[in-house]
Protein backbone atom coordinates (compact mmCIF):
# COMPACT_ATOMS: atom_id res chain seq x y z
CA UNK A 1 61.68 23.45 98.48
CA UNK A 2 59.92 25.33 101.24
CA UNK A 3 61.21 25.43 104.80
CA UNK A 4 58.79 27.11 107.17
CA UNK A 5 59.24 30.91 107.21
CA UNK A 6 63.01 31.07 106.72
CA UNK A 7 64.51 32.80 103.75
CA UNK A 8 66.00 30.77 100.89
CA UNK A 9 69.56 31.83 101.74
CA UNK A 10 69.13 30.72 105.36
CA UNK A 11 69.22 27.09 104.24
CA UNK A 12 72.03 25.55 102.27
CA UNK A 13 73.21 22.08 101.40
CA UNK A 14 76.78 21.01 100.68
CA UNK A 15 77.24 17.34 99.80
CA UNK A 16 75.40 15.57 102.64
CA UNK A 17 75.75 18.38 105.17
CA UNK A 18 72.74 20.61 105.69
CA UNK A 19 73.17 24.06 107.26
CA UNK A 20 70.41 26.21 108.65
CA UNK A 21 70.28 29.45 110.63
CA UNK A 22 67.84 29.44 113.53
CA UNK A 23 65.39 32.37 113.21
CA UNK A 24 64.57 34.45 116.30
CA UNK A 25 60.92 33.39 116.25
CA UNK A 26 62.10 29.91 117.27
CA UNK A 27 63.69 31.22 120.49
CA UNK A 28 63.14 28.91 123.44
CA UNK A 29 62.33 25.86 121.33
CA UNK A 30 63.94 22.44 121.60
CA UNK A 31 66.58 21.73 118.98
CA UNK A 32 64.80 18.65 117.59
CA UNK A 33 61.46 20.47 117.31
CA UNK A 34 63.03 23.52 115.70
CA UNK A 35 64.91 21.41 113.16
CA UNK A 36 61.72 19.51 112.34
CA UNK A 37 60.13 22.88 111.54
CA UNK A 38 63.08 24.16 109.54
CA UNK A 39 63.80 20.87 107.75
CA UNK A 40 60.36 19.40 106.97
CA UNK A 41 61.88 16.86 104.56
CA UNK A 42 63.01 14.89 107.65
CA UNK A 43 60.93 13.56 110.52
CA UNK A 44 61.49 14.84 114.05
CA UNK A 45 62.43 11.34 115.22
CA UNK A 46 65.08 11.01 112.55
CA UNK A 47 66.50 14.45 113.31
CA UNK A 48 66.58 13.61 117.02
CA UNK A 49 68.44 10.39 116.22
CA UNK A 50 71.00 12.30 114.18
CA UNK A 51 71.46 14.77 117.04
CA UNK A 52 72.02 11.92 119.50
CA UNK A 53 74.52 10.31 117.13
CA UNK A 54 76.53 13.52 116.92
CA UNK A 55 75.54 14.12 113.32
CA UNK A 56 73.99 17.51 114.17
CA UNK A 57 76.05 20.38 115.60
CA UNK A 58 74.86 23.64 117.15
CA UNK A 59 77.39 26.38 116.38
CA UNK A 60 79.94 23.64 115.75
CA UNK A 61 79.34 21.84 119.06
CA UNK A 62 77.50 18.65 119.96
CA UNK A 63 74.03 19.09 121.47
CA UNK A 64 71.09 17.01 122.59
CA UNK A 65 67.56 16.93 121.17
CA UNK A 66 66.37 18.83 124.26
CA UNK A 67 68.90 21.67 123.91
CA UNK A 68 67.14 25.07 123.74
CA UNK A 69 67.91 27.46 120.92
CA UNK A 70 67.53 31.25 121.06
CA UNK A 71 67.89 32.40 117.47
CA UNK A 72 70.93 33.23 115.39
CA UNK A 73 72.66 29.89 115.88
CA UNK A 74 73.87 27.83 112.96
CA UNK A 75 73.01 24.17 112.88
CA UNK A 76 74.88 21.70 110.69
CA UNK A 77 73.35 18.27 110.05
CA UNK A 78 75.17 15.39 108.36
CA UNK A 79 72.10 13.97 106.64
CA UNK A 80 72.03 10.33 105.67
CA UNK A 81 69.64 8.74 103.18
CA UNK A 82 66.82 6.63 104.53
CA UNK A 83 67.73 2.96 104.56
CA UNK A 84 64.45 2.44 102.70
CA UNK A 85 65.76 4.44 99.76
CA UNK A 86 68.84 2.22 99.58
CA UNK A 87 66.96 -1.05 100.06
CA UNK A 88 66.18 -1.86 96.44
CA UNK A 89 69.80 -2.18 95.36
CA UNK A 90 71.54 -5.15 93.72
CA UNK A 91 73.73 -7.18 96.09
CA UNK A 92 75.56 -10.48 95.54
CA UNK A 93 73.29 -12.57 97.77
CA UNK A 94 73.49 -16.32 97.11
CA UNK A 95 70.36 -18.48 96.79
CA UNK A 96 69.70 -21.85 95.11
CA UNK A 97 67.70 -21.82 91.85
CA UNK A 98 66.00 -25.06 90.79
CA UNK A 99 64.20 -23.77 87.71
CA UNK A 100 64.77 -20.79 85.46
CA UNK A 101 63.21 -19.66 82.18
CA UNK A 102 62.30 -16.39 80.47
CA UNK A 103 59.13 -15.94 82.54
CA UNK A 104 59.91 -17.18 86.04
CA UNK A 105 62.46 -18.46 88.53
CA UNK A 106 61.84 -21.07 91.23
CA UNK A 107 64.05 -20.70 94.29
CA UNK A 108 64.76 -23.15 97.10
CA UNK A 109 65.13 -20.52 99.83
CA UNK A 110 67.42 -21.40 102.72
CA UNK A 111 66.34 -20.70 106.28
CA UNK A 112 67.67 -17.39 107.56
CA UNK A 113 67.33 -15.51 104.28
CA UNK A 114 64.95 -12.54 104.47
CA UNK A 115 62.79 -12.26 101.34
CA UNK A 116 61.99 -8.54 101.21
CA UNK A 117 63.72 -5.49 102.76
CA UNK A 118 62.02 -4.16 105.90
CA UNK A 119 62.90 -2.59 109.22
CA UNK A 120 65.95 -4.36 110.62
CA UNK A 121 66.79 -5.96 107.27
CA UNK A 122 67.29 -3.25 104.67
CA UNK A 123 69.99 -5.19 102.82
CA UNK A 124 71.20 -8.73 102.23
CA UNK A 125 67.72 -9.94 101.28
CA UNK A 126 66.51 -12.24 98.53
CA UNK A 127 65.19 -9.17 96.69
CA UNK A 128 68.68 -7.64 96.67
CA UNK A 129 70.10 -10.89 95.35
CA UNK A 130 67.45 -11.14 92.64
CA UNK A 131 68.29 -7.64 91.39
CA UNK A 132 71.96 -8.61 91.24
CA UNK A 133 71.42 -11.90 89.43
CA UNK A 134 68.59 -10.72 87.14
CA UNK A 135 69.07 -6.98 86.45
CA UNK A 136 65.87 -6.84 84.36
CA UNK A 137 63.88 -7.31 87.57
CA UNK A 138 64.51 -3.65 88.36
CA UNK A 139 61.62 -2.99 85.97
CA UNK A 140 59.22 -5.41 87.71
CA UNK A 141 57.42 -4.40 90.95
CA UNK A 142 59.01 -5.93 94.06
CA UNK A 143 61.67 -7.47 91.79
CA UNK A 144 59.13 -10.07 90.67
CA UNK A 145 58.31 -11.41 94.14
CA UNK A 146 54.68 -12.58 94.23
CA UNK A 147 54.62 -14.42 97.57
CA UNK A 148 56.94 -14.73 100.54
CA UNK A 149 58.30 -17.17 103.06
CA UNK A 150 59.18 -16.22 106.62
CA UNK A 151 62.88 -15.58 107.21
CA UNK A 152 63.30 -18.88 109.06
CA UNK A 153 61.09 -21.00 106.79
CA UNK A 154 62.96 -22.91 104.11
CA UNK A 155 61.75 -24.11 100.73
CA UNK A 156 60.19 -23.23 97.40
CA UNK A 157 59.25 -19.80 96.09
CA UNK A 158 58.40 -18.58 92.60
CA UNK A 159 59.54 -15.21 91.25
CA UNK A 160 58.27 -13.61 88.03
CA UNK A 161 60.80 -12.25 85.54
CA UNK A 162 58.34 -10.11 83.57
CA UNK A 163 55.40 -7.90 84.44
CA UNK A 164 53.13 -10.17 82.40
CA UNK A 165 54.26 -13.23 84.33
CA UNK A 166 53.90 -11.43 87.66
CA UNK A 167 50.35 -10.33 86.81
CA UNK A 168 49.39 -13.88 85.86
CA UNK A 169 50.99 -15.48 88.93
CA UNK A 170 49.26 -12.99 91.23
CA UNK A 171 45.98 -13.85 89.50
CA UNK A 172 46.61 -17.56 90.12
CA UNK A 173 47.41 -16.90 93.77
CA UNK A 174 44.21 -14.90 94.18
CA UNK A 175 42.26 -17.67 92.46
CA UNK A 176 43.91 -20.16 94.86
CA UNK A 177 45.13 -22.28 91.97
CA UNK A 178 48.81 -22.20 92.98
CA UNK A 179 49.45 -25.35 95.02
CA UNK A 180 51.76 -24.86 97.99
CA UNK A 181 52.48 -27.80 100.28
CA UNK A 182 54.56 -27.54 103.44
CA UNK A 183 56.09 -30.08 105.79
CA UNK A 184 55.76 -29.17 109.46
CA UNK A 185 56.41 -30.77 112.81
CA UNK A 186 53.60 -29.93 115.21
CA UNK A 187 53.69 -30.30 118.97
CA UNK A 188 51.31 -32.93 120.32
CA UNK A 189 49.78 -35.95 118.60
CA UNK A 190 47.13 -35.07 116.02
CA UNK A 191 44.31 -37.59 115.80
CA UNK A 192 43.26 -36.95 112.20
CA UNK A 193 43.56 -34.75 109.15
CA UNK A 194 41.68 -31.46 109.24
CA UNK A 195 41.15 -27.91 108.02
CA UNK A 196 41.56 -24.62 109.84
CA UNK A 197 39.30 -21.91 108.43
CA UNK A 198 39.94 -18.91 110.65
CA UNK A 199 40.62 -15.24 109.78
CA UNK A 200 44.09 -13.87 110.52
CA UNK A 201 45.11 -10.32 111.40
CA UNK A 202 47.46 -8.41 113.67
CA UNK A 203 47.48 -9.52 117.29
CA UNK A 204 45.39 -7.01 119.27
CA UNK A 205 48.13 -6.44 121.86
CA UNK A 206 51.39 -7.49 120.19
CA UNK A 207 51.77 -5.78 116.82
CA UNK A 208 54.74 -7.97 115.92
CA UNK A 209 52.57 -11.09 115.95
CA UNK A 210 49.62 -12.34 113.95
CA UNK A 211 46.56 -14.01 115.45
CA UNK A 212 43.15 -15.44 114.67
CA UNK A 213 40.90 -12.40 115.05
CA UNK A 214 37.25 -11.78 114.11
CA UNK A 215 38.04 -8.93 111.71
CA UNK A 216 41.05 -10.62 110.09
CA UNK A 217 41.48 -11.63 106.48
CA UNK A 218 40.09 -15.02 105.38
CA UNK A 219 42.64 -17.79 105.84
CA UNK A 220 42.32 -21.52 105.13
CA UNK A 221 44.91 -24.20 105.91
CA UNK A 222 44.42 -27.93 105.24
CA UNK A 223 46.64 -30.37 107.14
CA UNK A 224 47.21 -34.09 106.83
CA UNK A 225 48.97 -36.43 109.24
CA UNK A 226 52.09 -38.08 107.79
CA UNK A 227 53.71 -39.60 110.89
CA UNK A 228 52.90 -39.66 114.59
CA UNK A 229 55.61 -39.67 117.24
CA UNK A 230 55.61 -39.83 121.02
CA UNK A 231 54.78 -36.15 121.53
CA UNK A 232 54.84 -34.66 118.01
CA UNK A 233 53.28 -35.11 114.59
CA UNK A 234 54.73 -34.69 111.12
CA UNK A 235 52.07 -33.03 108.99
CA UNK A 236 51.69 -31.76 105.45
CA UNK A 237 49.95 -28.40 105.26
CA UNK A 238 48.31 -27.09 102.12
CA UNK A 239 47.56 -23.40 101.80
CA UNK A 240 44.49 -21.99 100.12
CA UNK A 241 45.41 -18.47 101.19
CA UNK A 242 48.76 -16.86 101.98
CA UNK A 243 48.47 -14.78 105.11
CA UNK A 244 51.50 -13.76 107.14
CA UNK A 245 52.58 -16.63 109.45
CA UNK A 246 49.43 -18.52 108.39
CA UNK A 247 50.48 -22.10 109.14
CA UNK A 248 52.20 -21.10 112.37
CA UNK A 249 49.16 -19.16 113.59
CA UNK A 250 46.59 -21.77 112.54
CA UNK A 251 48.43 -24.71 114.08
CA UNK A 252 48.91 -22.80 117.34
CA UNK A 253 45.21 -21.86 117.21
CA UNK A 254 44.16 -25.53 117.31
CA UNK A 255 46.58 -26.29 120.14
CA UNK A 256 49.38 -27.79 118.06
CA UNK A 257 52.01 -25.08 117.52
CA UNK A 258 55.02 -25.88 115.39
CA UNK A 259 58.03 -27.33 117.13
CA UNK A 260 60.76 -24.81 117.99
CA UNK A 261 58.60 -21.86 116.91
CA UNK A 262 60.08 -18.91 118.83
CA UNK A 263 56.95 -16.77 118.45
CA UNK A 264 53.94 -19.09 118.55
CA UNK A 265 55.46 -22.23 120.09
CA UNK A 266 54.19 -21.89 123.63
CA UNK A 267 55.42 -24.22 126.36
CA UNK A 268 58.02 -26.75 125.22
CA UNK A 269 57.18 -30.43 125.67
CA UNK A 270 59.38 -32.88 127.64
CA UNK A 271 61.54 -34.72 125.11
CA UNK A 272 64.51 -37.06 124.94
CA UNK A 273 68.03 -35.68 124.91
CA UNK A 274 68.34 -36.55 121.21
CA UNK A 275 65.18 -34.62 120.31
CA UNK A 276 66.23 -31.71 122.54
CA UNK A 277 69.56 -31.53 120.69
CA UNK A 278 67.78 -31.65 117.30
CA UNK A 279 65.42 -28.86 118.35
CA UNK A 280 68.36 -26.77 119.52
CA UNK A 281 70.08 -27.41 116.19
CA UNK A 282 66.98 -26.32 114.29
CA UNK A 283 66.91 -22.86 115.91
CA UNK A 284 63.70 -22.01 114.02
CA UNK A 285 60.15 -23.18 113.47
CA UNK A 286 59.93 -26.67 111.95
CA UNK A 287 58.43 -25.58 108.62
CA UNK A 288 59.57 -26.31 105.06
CA UNK A 289 57.90 -25.39 101.76
CA UNK A 290 58.27 -28.79 100.10
CA UNK A 291 56.10 -28.68 96.96
CA UNK A 292 54.95 -26.01 94.53
CA UNK A 293 52.71 -26.33 91.47
CA UNK A 294 51.35 -23.68 89.10
CA UNK A 295 50.37 -23.01 85.50
CA UNK A 296 53.24 -21.51 83.53
CA UNK A 297 52.25 -17.92 82.66
CA UNK A 298 53.51 -18.24 79.05
CA UNK A 299 53.08 -21.86 77.98
CA UNK A 300 49.96 -22.68 80.00
CA UNK A 301 51.62 -25.94 81.08
CA UNK A 302 51.11 -27.15 84.65
CA UNK A 303 54.50 -27.40 86.32
CA UNK A 304 55.47 -28.69 89.74
CA UNK A 305 58.62 -28.81 91.81
CA UNK A 306 59.66 -30.43 95.07
CA UNK A 307 62.34 -29.72 97.64
CA UNK A 308 63.66 -32.23 100.19
CA UNK A 309 63.66 -31.09 103.82
CA UNK A 310 66.69 -29.16 104.91
CA UNK A 311 69.35 -30.96 106.95
CA UNK A 312 68.23 -29.50 110.28
CA UNK A 313 64.58 -30.38 109.64
CA UNK A 314 65.48 -33.94 108.59
CA UNK A 315 67.62 -34.36 111.73
CA UNK A 316 64.63 -33.45 113.88
CA UNK A 317 62.41 -35.98 112.12
CA UNK A 318 65.06 -38.70 112.60
CA UNK A 319 65.36 -37.88 116.29
CA UNK A 320 61.59 -38.02 116.73
CA UNK A 321 61.47 -41.41 115.03
CA UNK A 322 64.18 -42.75 117.33
CA UNK A 323 62.36 -41.39 120.38
CA UNK A 324 59.18 -43.17 119.31
CA UNK A 325 60.82 -46.49 118.37
């Protein structure tokens, strides 16, 4: 391991505590910048965060990232592993399974469960639960996950239990032969069935959102009207592609964002007290993955599953029906 121009015995590690002597050629430098030079295994931002948290000490005393060093000091850093490196660990996370065999698992994901570890959710995810329940998934990329649902979208997902099954399911997804049908409550009254064929990519100004953009990836959503209410419509959406937030972005793009969508919902419509209470109880976008069909990667048999709407989604539909009666 190389560390700038310091000698090997200037840098030592005991358990999780790193110690380094500041060379004189770093005199006048900021502590965070000097540590980034002397400890290149860690980013400057992470080192600065550790300094601010009191996990780095200059000659045994707390310092700030801006503290100047003059050479000869000893810095001790209580290094912590990246949360990313701890993310792919088994955890006892509960999730309903509606089908299980040697090749795949079909899950009825509850709203609120994050599928894959990422910033802000490095643990407690479906992936962690899968590794706990099916230890063999440690040998399959992404623990067998081949497609995802948003944290606050409920419903059906398929997970591969073998590399062969994962390869075949990914092929089916790319060939658009996996059938995924969603129930959604859209704002406004839709006049007819339709298709949204519009590319989706990162929002040009808000990197946390997706948007229809000219240079986005191809995205196709078919929607059919199931029920019309006073100011909303219950629709079934069928995906040809699986872009991030696809249904939410496409429905907002045509002026009918999903009810209660905190990101793409836009201005809330005037509703009855009963509907307002149901929307408040939903606390998420009105979207549920209700049906899933695919060809079994081993048997070649076409299989399909269905999931009834979650209690909060069903309560919203009932309230909308009462409002329209």
